[in-house]
């Protein structure tokens, strides 16, 4: 997982939250096992050049976001 993929994940997560009219904290809870601040902290870590908080499981969150996005595609228009 590199910075480019992580930034892409954050961009997708923000777009998904906006489409579904969710706050980033609500989406963060879904993606990061009830942690409402994980997306915020991940973005801060990227912007500050840090490695991110250890409790943020980005790969799992990316997988969950993919599943959430697929659910939308399966919904009838």
Protein backbone atom coordinates (compact mmCIF):
# COMPACT_ATOMS: atom_id res chain seq x y z
CA UNK A 1 0.00 0.00 0.00
CA UNK A 2 1.58 3.24 -1.05
CA UNK A 3 0.66 6.89 -0.62
CA UNK A 4 -1.00 7.10 -4.04
CA UNK A 5 -3.35 4.21 -3.27
CA UNK A 6 -4.13 5.61 0.16
CA UNK A 7 -4.95 9.05 -1.23
CA UNK A 8 -7.16 7.40 -3.87
CA UNK A 9 -8.94 5.48 -1.10
CA UNK A 10 -9.56 8.73 0.82
CA UNK A 11 -10.90 10.40 -2.33
CA UNK A 12 -13.26 7.46 -3.01
CA UNK A 13 -14.40 7.41 0.62
CA UNK A 14 -15.23 11.13 0.58
CA UNK A 15 -17.12 10.76 -2.71
CA UNK A 16 -19.06 7.78 -1.35
CA UNK A 17 -19.96 9.69 1.84
CA UNK A 18 -21.15 12.65 -0.20
CA UNK A 19 -23.24 10.43 -2.54
CA UNK A 20 -24.85 8.65 0.40
CA UNK A 21 -25.22 11.87 2.42
CA UNK A 22 -23.13 10.45 5.26
CA UNK A 23 -20.72 12.34 7.44
CA UNK A 24 -17.10 11.21 7.19
CA UNK A 25 -17.31 10.14 10.83
CA UNK A 26 -20.27 7.85 10.08
CA UNK A 27 -18.47 6.28 7.14
CA UNK A 28 -15.30 5.98 9.20
CA UNK A 29 -17.25 3.99 11.79
CA UNK A 30 -18.37 1.55 9.08
CA UNK A 31 -14.91 1.20 7.57
CA UNK A 32 -12.76 1.16 10.68
CA UNK A 33 -14.59 -0.94 13.25
CA UNK A 34 -16.54 1.87 14.98
CA UNK A 35 -13.64 4.39 14.96
CA UNK A 36 -15.17 7.73 13.89
CA UNK A 37 -11.81 9.49 13.57
CA UNK A 38 -9.79 6.99 11.52
CA UNK A 39 -10.33 8.67 8.12
CA UNK A 40 -9.40 12.04 9.62
CA UNK A 41 -6.28 10.65 11.27
CA UNK A 42 -5.24 8.79 8.16
CA UNK A 43 -5.49 11.96 6.07
CA UNK A 44 -3.60 13.96 8.70
CA UNK A 45 -0.84 11.34 8.77
CA UNK A 46 -0.50 11.50 4.98
CA UNK A 47 -0.40 15.29 4.95
CA UNK A 48 2.17 15.40 7.76
CA UNK A 49 4.28 12.65 6.20
CA UNK A 50 3.75 10.18 9.03
CA UNK A 51 2.94 6.52 8.71
CA UNK A 52 -0.53 6.79 10.16
CA UNK A 53 -1.91 5.47 13.41
CA UNK A 54 -1.29 1.79 14.04
CA UNK A 55 -4.97 1.04 14.72
CA UNK A 56 -6.06 2.17 11.27
CA UNK A 57 -6.45 -0.95 9.15
CA UNK A 58 -6.48 0.61 5.72
CA UNK A 59 -6.51 -2.58 3.66
CA UNK A 60 -9.59 -3.87 5.45
CA UNK A 61 -11.28 -0.48 5.08
CA UNK A 62 -10.55 -0.40 1.34
CA UNK A 63 -12.15 -3.83 1.00
CA UNK A 64 -15.24 -2.72 2.94
CA UNK A 65 -15.58 0.46 0.84
CA UNK A 66 -15.41 -1.66 -2.32
CA UNK A 67 -18.24 -3.82 -1.00
CA UNK A 68 -20.31 -0.73 -0.15
CA UNK A 69 -19.74 0.70 -3.63
CA UNK A 70 -20.76 -2.61 -5.23
CA UNK A 71 -24.01 -2.61 -3.25
CA UNK A 72 -24.92 0.68 -4.93
CA UNK A 73 -24.27 -0.81 -8.37
CA UNK A 74 -26.58 -3.73 -7.59
CA UNK A 75 -29.42 -1.47 -6.45
CA UNK A 76 -32.07 -0.82 -9.10
CA UNK A 77 -31.98 2.66 -10.61
